[in-house]
Amino acid sequence: MTDNGVRPCRISPAAPHGVTPEQRAVLETRGRRAVEFGAAWFIGGLLVAVVTLGQAQGGGVQFVVWVPMFYGVHRIVSGFQLIRKSRELS
């Protein structure tokens, strides 16, 4: 595309649905990676919360890590949305 949004004559038009199989594969790969990355963040945050809870049993301060767990859930949900989108476009 040119700067003004007009397609030059020598560039072929997009696929009928606007998304090529390669683009669908990229969306699915990105979705799977987002799910894996989100799971890692969630598990990491959960481990820190469990470890600090165990240390706080003796009267120490409990350090609950909610933000990494919420971020992990967010990445998992967005990853599943990307996977669903890639399958709907096929």
PDB file of N, CA and C in Angstrom:
ATOM      1  N   MET A   1       0.840  -1.174   0.000  1.00  0.00           N
ATOM      2  CA  MET A   1       0.000   0.000   0.000  1.00  0.00           C
ATOM      3  C   MET A   1       0.890   1.245   0.000  1.00  0.00           C
ATOM      4  N   THR A   2       0.400   2.262  -0.620  1.00  0.00           N
ATOM      5  CA  THR A   2       1.120   3.522  -0.603  1.00  0.00           C
ATOM      6  C   THR A   2       0.669   4.335   0.600  1.00  0.00           C
ATOM      7  N   ASP A   3       1.261   5.490   0.764  1.00  0.00           N
ATOM      8  CA  ASP A   3       0.933   6.309   1.925  1.00  0.00           C
ATOM      9  C   ASP A   3      -0.512   6.771   1.946  1.00  0.00           C
ATOM     10  N   ASN A   4      -1.129   6.964   0.780  1.00  0.00           N
ATOM     11  CA  ASN A   4      -2.502   7.446   0.760  1.00  0.00           C
ATOM     12  C   ASN A   4      -3.535   6.320   0.777  1.00  0.00           C
ATOM     13  N   GLY A   5      -3.104   5.062   0.937  1.00  0.00           N
ATOM     14  CA  GLY A   5      -4.013   3.944   1.051  1.00  0.00           C
ATOM     15  C   GLY A   5      -4.451   3.343  -0.268  1.00  0.00           C
ATOM     16  N   VAL A   6      -3.888   3.811  -1.391  1.00  0.00           N
ATOM     17  CA  VAL A   6      -4.243   3.282  -2.698  1.00  0.00           C
ATOM     18  C   VAL A   6      -3.285   2.156  -3.041  1.00  0.00           C
ATOM     19  N   ARG A   7      -3.841   1.038  -3.509  1.00  0.00           N
ATOM     20  CA  ARG A   7      -3.006  -0.111  -3.862  1.00  0.00           C
ATOM     21  C   ARG A   7      -2.423   0.107  -5.255  1.00  0.00           C
ATOM     22  N   PRO A   8      -1.082   0.041  -5.398  1.00  0.00           N
ATOM     23  CA  PRO A   8      -0.472   0.163  -6.722  1.00  0.00           C
ATOM     24  C   PRO A   8      -0.918  -0.989  -7.619  1.00  0.00           C
ATOM     25  N   CYS A   9      -0.894  -0.801  -8.933  1.00  0.00           N
ATOM     26  CA  CYS A   9      -1.392  -1.782  -9.903  1.00  0.00           C
ATOM     27  C   CYS A   9      -0.629  -3.092  -9.862  1.00  0.00           C
ATOM     28  N   ARG A  10       0.644  -3.078  -9.589  1.00  0.00           N
ATOM     29  CA  ARG A  10       1.439  -4.304  -9.687  1.00  0.00           C
ATOM     30  C   ARG A  10       1.349  -5.193  -8.457  1.00  0.00           C
ATOM     31  N   ILE A  11       0.710  -4.748  -7.396  1.00  0.00           N
ATOM     32  CA  ILE A  11       0.572  -5.575  -6.197  1.00  0.00           C
ATOM     33  C   ILE A  11      -0.717  -6.373  -6.315  1.00  0.00           C
ATOM     34  N   SER A  12      -0.628  -7.678  -6.114  1.00  0.00           N
ATOM     35  CA  SER A  12      -1.806  -8.531  -6.230  1.00  0.00           C
ATOM     36  C   SER A  12      -2.748  -8.285  -5.058  1.00  0.00           C
ATOM     37  N   PRO A  13      -4.030  -8.472  -5.262  1.00  0.00           N
ATOM     38  CA  PRO A  13      -4.984  -8.267  -4.161  1.00  0.00           C
ATOM     39  C   PRO A  13      -4.818  -9.335  -3.096  1.00  0.00           C
ATOM     40  N   ALA A  14      -5.378  -9.075  -1.946  1.00  0.00           N
ATOM     41  CA  ALA A  14      -5.282 -10.010  -0.815  1.00  0.00           C
ATOM     42  C   ALA A  14      -6.127 -11.243  -1.090  1.00  0.00           C
ATOM     43  N   ALA A  15      -5.974 -12.234  -0.252  1.00  0.00           N
ATOM     44  CA  ALA A  15      -6.755 -13.466  -0.347  1.00  0.00           C
ATOM     45  C   ALA A  15      -8.242 -13.129  -0.206  1.00  0.00           C
ATOM     46  N   PRO A  16      -9.145 -14.014  -0.663  1.00  0.00           N
ATOM     47  CA  PRO A  16     -10.580 -13.705  -0.608  1.00  0.00           C
ATOM     48  C   PRO A  16     -11.073 -13.302   0.770  1.00  0.00           C
ATOM     49  N   HIS A  17     -10.592 -13.933   1.808  1.00  0.00           N
ATOM     50  CA  HIS A  17     -11.029 -13.581   3.165  1.00  0.00           C
ATOM     51  C   HIS A  17     -10.104 -12.557   3.800  1.00  0.00           C
ATOM     52  N   GLY A  18      -9.068 -12.138   3.103  1.00  0.00           N
ATOM     53  CA  GLY A  18      -8.152 -11.144   3.620  1.00  0.00           C
ATOM     54  C   GLY A  18      -7.043 -11.705   4.479  1.00  0.00           C
ATOM     55  N   VAL A  19      -7.057 -13.008   4.738  1.00  0.00           N
ATOM     56  CA  VAL A  19      -6.038 -13.604   5.600  1.00  0.00           C
ATOM     57  C   VAL A  19      -5.486 -14.849   4.903  1.00  0.00           C
ATOM     58  N   THR A  20      -4.178 -14.888   4.776  1.00  0.00           N
ATOM     59  CA  THR A  20      -3.538 -16.041   4.144  1.00  0.00           C
ATOM     60  C   THR A  20      -3.349 -17.150   5.170  1.00  0.00           C
ATOM     61  N   PRO A  21      -3.113 -18.375   4.704  1.00  0.00           N
ATOM     62  CA  PRO A  21      -2.839 -19.466   5.655  1.00  0.00           C
ATOM     63  C   PRO A  21      -1.612 -19.189   6.522  1.00  0.00           C
ATOM     64  N   GLU A  22      -0.639 -18.484   5.967  1.00  0.00           N
ATOM     65  CA  GLU A  22       0.554 -18.149   6.752  1.00  0.00           C
ATOM     66  C   GLU A  22       0.202 -17.203   7.887  1.00  0.00           C
ATOM     67  N   GLN A  23      -0.678 -16.250   7.597  1.00  0.00           N
ATOM     68  CA  GLN A  23      -1.090 -15.310   8.643  1.00  0.00           C
ATOM     69  C   GLN A  23      -1.896 -16.019   9.732  1.00  0.00           C
ATOM     70  N   ARG A  24      -2.725 -16.975   9.330  1.00  0.00           N
ATOM     71  CA  ARG A  24      -3.475 -17.755  10.334  1.00  0.00           C
ATOM     72  C   ARG A  24      -2.518 -18.550  11.212  1.00  0.00           C
ATOM     73  N   ALA A  25      -1.472 -19.121  10.586  1.00  0.00           N
ATOM     74  CA  ALA A  25      -0.490 -19.889  11.356  1.00  0.00           C
ATOM     75  C   ALA A  25       0.258 -18.980  12.330  1.00  0.00           C
ATOM     76  N   VAL A  26       0.563 -17.767  11.894  1.00  0.00           N
ATOM     77  CA  VAL A  26       1.252 -16.819  12.775  1.00  0.00           C
ATOM     78  C   VAL A  26       0.358 -16.448  13.956  1.00  0.00           C
ATOM     79  N   LEU A  27      -0.930 -16.210  13.689  1.00  0.00           N
ATOM     80  CA  LEU A  27      -1.856 -15.885  14.780  1.00  0.00           C
ATOM     81  C   LEU A  27      -1.953 -17.030  15.781  1.00  0.00           C
ATOM     82  N   GLU A  28      -2.045 -18.262  15.273  1.00  0.00           N
ATOM     83  CA  GLU A  28      -2.146 -19.401  16.180  1.00  0.00           C
ATOM     84  C   GLU A  28      -0.859 -19.576  16.985  1.00  0.00           C
ATOM     85  N   THR A  29       0.291 -19.389  16.345  1.00  0.00           N
ATOM     86  CA  THR A  29       1.569 -19.497  17.058  1.00  0.00           C
ATOM     87  C   THR A  29       1.682 -18.432  18.141  1.00  0.00           C
ATOM     88  N   ARG A  30       1.300 -17.198  17.801  1.00  0.00           N
ATOM     89  CA  ARG A  30       1.328 -16.125  18.797  1.00  0.00           C
ATOM     90  C   ARG A  30       0.384 -16.430  19.954  1.00  0.00           C
ATOM     91  N   GLY A  31      -0.782 -16.997  19.645  1.00  0.00           N
ATOM     92  CA  GLY A  31      -1.729 -17.348  20.690  1.00  0.00           C
ATOM     93  C   GLY A  31      -1.192 -18.422  21.618  1.00  0.00           C
ATOM     94  N   ARG A  32      -0.587 -19.448  21.032  1.00  0.00           N
ATOM     95  CA  ARG A  32      -0.026 -20.529  21.860  1.00  0.00           C
ATOM     96  C   ARG A  32       1.109 -20.007  22.747  1.00  0.00           C
ATOM     97  N   ARG A  33       1.953 -19.165  22.189  1.00  0.00           N
ATOM     98  CA  ARG A  33       3.047 -18.597  22.988  1.00  0.00           C
ATOM     99  C   ARG A  33       2.509 -17.715  24.107  1.00  0.00           C
ATOM    100  N   ALA A  34       1.446 -16.970  23.826  1.00  0.00           N
ATOM    101  CA  ALA A  34       0.853 -16.123  24.864  1.00  0.00           C
ATOM    102  C   ALA A  34       0.290 -16.977  25.989  1.00  0.00           C
ATOM    103  N   VAL A  35      -0.342 -18.094  25.644  1.00  0.00           N
ATOM    104  CA  VAL A  35      -0.879 -18.991  26.674  1.00  0.00           C
ATOM    105  C   VAL A  35       0.258 -19.570  27.511  1.00  0.00           C
ATOM    106  N   GLU A  36       1.323 -20.019  26.860  1.00  0.00           N
ATOM    107  CA  GLU A  36       2.462 -20.585  27.598  1.00  0.00           C
ATOM    108  C   GLU A  36       3.122 -19.537  28.483  1.00  0.00           C
ATOM    109  N   PHE A  37       3.314 -18.340  27.939  1.00  0.00           N
ATOM    110  CA  PHE A  37       3.936 -17.253  28.693  1.00  0.00           C
ATOM    111  C   PHE A  37       3.055 -16.856  29.875  1.00  0.00           C
ATOM    112  N   GLY A  38       1.755 -16.776  29.656  1.00  0.00           N
ATOM    113  CA  GLY A  38       0.831 -16.436  30.736  1.00  0.00           C
ATOM    114  C   GLY A  38       0.816 -17.490  31.828  1.00  0.00           C
ATOM    115  N   ALA A  39       0.870 -18.753  31.426  1.00  0.00           N
ATOM    116  CA  ALA A  39       0.902 -19.835  32.416  1.00  0.00           C
ATOM    117  C   ALA A  39       2.174 -19.743  33.261  1.00  0.00           C
ATOM    118  N   ALA A  40       3.282 -19.406  32.619  1.00  0.00           N
ATOM    119  CA  ALA A  40       4.540 -19.267  33.355  1.00  0.00           C
ATOM    120  C   ALA A  40       4.446 -18.128  34.372  1.00  0.00           C
ATOM    121  N   TRP A  41       3.876 -16.992  33.970  1.00  0.00           N
ATOM    122  CA  TRP A  41       3.719 -15.871  34.901  1.00  0.00           C
ATOM    123  C   TRP A  41       2.782 -16.244  36.047  1.00  0.00           C
ATOM    124  N   PHE A  42       1.691 -16.909  35.729  1.00  0.00           N
ATOM    125  CA  PHE A  42       0.728 -17.284  36.767  1.00  0.00           C
ATOM    126  C   PHE A  42       1.361 -18.251  37.758  1.00  0.00           C
ATOM    127  N   ILE A  43       2.041 -19.268  37.262  1.00  0.00           N
ATOM    128  CA  ILE A  43       2.668 -20.260  38.135  1.00  0.00           C
ATOM    129  C   ILE A  43       3.776 -19.626  38.969  1.00  0.00           C
ATOM    130  N   GLY A  44       4.563 -18.748  38.339  1.00  0.00           N
ATOM    131  CA  GLY A  44       5.625 -18.061  39.082  1.00  0.00           C
ATOM    132  C   GLY A  44       5.063 -17.210  40.211  1.00  0.00           C
ATOM    133  N   GLY A  45       4.013 -16.452  39.925  1.00  0.00           N
ATOM    134  CA  GLY A  45       3.381 -15.633  40.961  1.00  0.00           C
ATOM    135  C   GLY A  45       2.766 -16.480  42.056  1.00  0.00           C
ATOM    136  N   LEU A  46       2.167 -17.601  41.667  1.00  0.00           N
ATOM    137  CA  LEU A  46       1.577 -18.506  42.656  1.00  0.00           C
ATOM    138  C   LEU A  46       2.655 -19.117  43.552  1.00  0.00           C
ATOM    139  N   LEU A  47       3.781 -19.499  42.959  1.00  0.00           N
ATOM    140  CA  LEU A  47       4.875 -20.061  43.765  1.00  0.00           C
ATOM    141  C   LEU A  47       5.411 -19.050  44.767  1.00  0.00           C
ATOM    142  N   VAL A  48       5.593 -17.809  44.340  1.00  0.00           N
ATOM    143  CA  VAL A  48       6.085 -16.779  45.266  1.00  0.00           C
ATOM    144  C   VAL A  48       5.070 -16.555  46.387  1.00  0.00           C
ATOM    145  N   ALA A  49       3.779 -16.550  46.048  1.00  0.00           N
ATOM    146  CA  ALA A  49       2.754 -16.362  47.073  1.00  0.00           C
ATOM    147  C   ALA A  49       2.748 -17.518  48.068  1.00  0.00           C
ATOM    148  N   VAL A  50       2.886 -18.742  47.577  1.00  0.00           N
ATOM    149  CA  VAL A  50       2.880 -19.908  48.466  1.00  0.00           C
ATOM    150  C   VAL A  50       4.124 -19.922  49.352  1.00  0.00           C
ATOM    151  N   VAL A  51       5.273 -19.599  48.776  1.00  0.00           N
ATOM    152  CA  VAL A  51       6.522 -19.595  49.557  1.00  0.00           C
ATOM    153  C   VAL A  51       6.467 -18.519  50.632  1.00  0.00           C
ATOM    154  N   THR A  52       6.009 -17.320  50.280  1.00  0.00           N
ATOM    155  CA  THR A  52       5.958 -16.259  51.292  1.00  0.00           C
ATOM    156  C   THR A  52       4.883 -16.547  52.337  1.00  0.00           C
ATOM    157  N   LEU A  53       3.819 -17.238  51.952  1.00  0.00           N
ATOM    158  CA  LEU A  53       2.811 -17.623  52.934  1.00  0.00           C
ATOM    159  C   LEU A  53       3.418 -18.614  53.926  1.00  0.00           C
ATOM    160  N   GLY A  54       4.203 -19.570  53.431  1.00  0.00           N
ATOM    161  CA  GLY A  54       4.863 -20.531  54.310  1.00  0.00           C
ATOM    162  C   GLY A  54       5.850 -19.865  55.252  1.00  0.00           C
ATOM    163  N   GLN A  55       6.550 -18.846  54.781  1.00  0.00           N
ATOM    164  CA  GLN A  55       7.505 -18.130  55.627  1.00  0.00           C
ATOM    165  C   GLN A  55       6.799 -17.232  56.628  1.00  0.00           C
ATOM    166  N   ALA A  56       5.601 -16.765  56.308  1.00  0.00           N
ATOM    167  CA  ALA A  56       4.882 -15.860  57.201  1.00  0.00           C
ATOM    168  C   ALA A  56       4.177 -16.600  58.331  1.00  0.00           C
ATOM    169  N   GLN A  57       4.140 -17.926  58.300  1.00  0.00           N
ATOM    170  CA  GLN A  57       3.468 -18.688  59.345  1.00  0.00           C
ATOM    171  C   GLN A  57       4.109 -18.468  60.703  1.00  0.00           C
ATOM    172  N   GLY A  58       5.406 -18.184  60.728  1.00  0.00           N
ATOM    173  CA  GLY A  58       6.096 -17.978  61.993  1.00  0.00           C
ATOM    174  C   GLY A  58       5.994 -16.552  62.502  1.00  0.00           C
ATOM    175  N   GLY A  59       5.152 -15.742  61.924  1.00  0.00           N
ATOM    176  CA  GLY A  59       4.978 -14.373  62.396  1.00  0.00           C
ATOM    177  C   GLY A  59       5.610 -13.348  61.468  1.00  0.00           C
ATOM    178  N   GLY A  60       6.121 -13.790  60.341  1.00  0.00           N
ATOM    179  CA  GLY A  60       6.723 -12.853  59.388  1.00  0.00           C
ATOM    180  C   GLY A  60       5.667 -12.148  58.553  1.00  0.00           C
ATOM    181  N   VAL A  61       6.149 -11.374  57.625  1.00  0.00           N
ATOM    182  CA  VAL A  61       5.269 -10.619  56.743  1.00  0.00           C
ATOM    183  C   VAL A  61       4.979 -11.457  55.504  1.00  0.00           C
ATOM    184  N   GLN A  62       3.712 -11.521  55.143  1.00  0.00           N
ATOM    185  CA  GLN A  62       3.335 -12.269  53.948  1.00  0.00           C
ATOM    186  C   GLN A  62       3.349 -11.325  52.744  1.00  0.00           C
ATOM    187  N   PHE A  63       4.047 -11.729  51.715  1.00  0.00           N
ATOM    188  CA  PHE A  63       4.157 -10.937  50.498  1.00  0.00           C
ATOM    189  C   PHE A  63       3.366 -11.657  49.410  1.00  0.00           C
ATOM    190  N   VAL A  64       2.144 -11.216  49.196  1.00  0.00           N
ATOM    191  CA  VAL A  64       1.274 -11.853  48.214  1.00  0.00           C
ATOM    192  C   VAL A  64       1.500 -11.185  46.864  1.00  0.00           C
ATOM    193  N   VAL A  65       1.785 -11.986  45.890  1.00  0.00           N
ATOM    194  CA  VAL A  65       2.078 -11.469  44.560  1.00  0.00           C
ATOM    195  C   VAL A  65       0.848 -11.688  43.684  1.00  0.00           C
ATOM    196  N   TRP A  66       0.039 -10.648  43.569  1.00  0.00           N
ATOM    197  CA  TRP A  66      -1.164 -10.750  42.747  1.00  0.00           C
ATOM    198  C   TRP A  66      -0.923 -10.300  41.319  1.00  0.00           C
ATOM    199  N   VAL A  67      -0.098  -9.292  41.128  1.00  0.00           N
ATOM    200  CA  VAL A  67       0.076  -8.707  39.797  1.00  0.00           C
ATOM    201  C   VAL A  67       0.594  -9.723  38.777  1.00  0.00           C
ATOM    202  N   PRO A  68       1.630 -10.506  39.061  1.00  0.00           N
ATOM    203  CA  PRO A  68       2.057 -11.490  38.062  1.00  0.00           C
ATOM    204  C   PRO A  68       0.982 -12.534  37.764  1.00  0.00           C
ATOM    205  N   MET A  69       0.191 -12.874  38.767  1.00  0.00           N
ATOM    206  CA  MET A  69      -0.877 -13.853  38.545  1.00  0.00           C
ATOM    207  C   MET A  69      -1.964 -13.259  37.649  1.00  0.00           C
ATOM    208  N   PHE A  70      -2.352 -12.008  37.893  1.00  0.00           N
ATOM    209  CA  PHE A  70      -3.346 -11.356  37.038  1.00  0.00           C
ATOM    210  C   PHE A  70      -2.815 -11.175  35.621  1.00  0.00           C
ATOM    211  N   TYR A  71      -1.548 -10.797  35.507  1.00  0.00           N
ATOM    212  CA  TYR A  71      -0.936 -10.651  34.187  1.00  0.00           C
ATOM    213  C   TYR A  71      -0.932 -11.990  33.461  1.00  0.00           C
ATOM    214  N   GLY A  72      -0.641 -13.056  34.171  1.00  0.00           N
ATOM    215  CA  GLY A  72      -0.656 -14.384  33.575  1.00  0.00           C
ATOM    216  C   GLY A  72      -2.031 -14.764  33.065  1.00  0.00           C
ATOM    217  N   VAL A  73      -3.059 -14.472  33.855  1.00  0.00           N
ATOM    218  CA  VAL A  73      -4.433 -14.765  33.432  1.00  0.00           C
ATOM    219  C   VAL A  73      -4.783 -13.930  32.195  1.00  0.00           C
ATOM    220  N   HIS A  74      -4.369 -12.678  32.201  1.00  0.00           N
ATOM    221  CA  HIS A  74      -4.618 -11.805  31.044  1.00  0.00           C
ATOM    222  C   HIS A  74      -3.964 -12.370  29.785  1.00  0.00           C
ATOM    223  N   ARG A  75      -2.704 -12.815  29.899  1.00  0.00           N
ATOM    224  CA  ARG A  75      -2.011 -13.372  28.728  1.00  0.00           C
ATOM    225  C   ARG A  75      -2.655 -14.677  28.267  1.00  0.00           C
ATOM    226  N   ILE A  76      -3.106 -15.495  29.193  1.00  0.00           N
ATOM    227  CA  ILE A  76      -3.769 -16.757  28.827  1.00  0.00           C
ATOM    228  C   ILE A  76      -5.064 -16.465  28.065  1.00  0.00           C
ATOM    229  N   VAL A  77      -5.867 -15.552  28.577  1.00  0.00           N
ATOM    230  CA  VAL A  77      -7.133 -15.220  27.922  1.00  0.00           C
ATOM    231  C   VAL A  77      -6.875 -14.618  26.543  1.00  0.00           C
ATOM    232  N   SER A  78      -5.934 -13.685  26.445  1.00  0.00           N
ATOM    233  CA  SER A  78      -5.655 -13.079  25.140  1.00  0.00           C
ATOM    234  C   SER A  78      -5.073 -14.101  24.167  1.00  0.00           C
ATOM    235  N   GLY A  79      -4.300 -15.059  24.668  1.00  0.00           N
ATOM    236  CA  GLY A  79      -3.774 -16.116  23.817  1.00  0.00           C
ATOM    237  C   GLY A  79      -4.871 -16.995  23.265  1.00  0.00           C
ATOM    238  N   PHE A  80      -5.838 -17.361  24.109  1.00  0.00           N
ATOM    239  CA  PHE A  80      -6.960 -18.162  23.635  1.00  0.00           C
ATOM    240  C   PHE A  80      -7.814 -17.383  22.630  1.00  0.00           C
ATOM    241  N   GLN A  81      -7.919 -16.073  22.818  1.00  0.00           N
ATOM    242  CA  GLN A  81      -8.656 -15.264  21.852  1.00  0.00           C
ATOM    243  C   GLN A  81      -7.945 -15.250  20.496  1.00  0.00           C
ATOM    244  N   LEU A  82      -6.621 -15.164  20.496  1.00  0.00           N
ATOM    245  CA  LEU A  82      -5.868 -15.216  19.239  1.00  0.00           C
ATOM    246  C   LEU A  82      -6.034 -16.563  18.552  1.00  0.00           C
ATOM    247  N   ILE A  83      -6.000 -17.631  19.322  1.00  0.00           N
ATOM    248  CA  ILE A  83      -6.180 -18.964  18.746  1.00  0.00           C
ATOM    249  C   ILE A  83      -7.576 -19.087  18.147  1.00  0.00           C
ATOM    250  N   ARG A  84      -8.586 -18.618  18.873  1.00  0.00           N
ATOM    251  CA  ARG A  84      -9.960 -18.675  18.360  1.00  0.00           C
ATOM    252  C   ARG A  84     -10.096 -17.843  17.089  1.00  0.00           C
ATOM    253  N   LYS A  85      -9.480 -16.674  17.077  1.00  0.00           N
ATOM    254  CA  LYS A  85      -9.540 -15.811  15.892  1.00  0.00           C
ATOM    255  C   LYS A  85      -8.884 -16.481  14.694  1.00  0.00           C
ATOM    256  N   SER A  86      -7.756 -17.143  14.921  1.00  0.00           N
ATOM    257  CA  SER A  86      -7.073 -17.803  13.803  1.00  0.00           C
ATOM    258  C   SER A  86      -7.911 -18.955  13.240  1.00  0.00           C
ATOM    259  N   ARG A  87      -8.668 -19.619  14.088  1.00  0.00           N
ATOM    260  CA  ARG A  87      -9.510 -20.731  13.620  1.00  0.00           C
ATOM    261  C   ARG A  87     -10.793 -20.230  12.966  1.00  0.00           C
ATOM    262  N   GLU A  88     -11.289 -19.069  13.392  1.00  0.00           N
ATOM    263  CA  GLU A  88     -12.484 -18.510  12.761  1.00  0.00           C
ATOM    264  C   GLU A  88     -12.188 -17.989  11.368  1.00  0.00           C
ATOM    265  N   LEU A  89     -10.965 -17.561  11.133  1.00  0.00           N
ATOM    266  CA  LEU A  89     -10.602 -16.998   9.832  1.00  0.00           C
ATOM    267  C   LEU A  89     -10.348 -18.074   8.785  1.00  0.00           C
ATOM    268  N   SER A  90     -10.288 -19.329   9.192  1.00  0.00           N
ATOM    269  CA  SER A  90     -10.003 -20.373   8.209  1.00  0.00           C
ATOM    270  C   SER A  90     -11.227 -20.834   7.472  1.00  0.00           C
TER     271      SER A  90
END
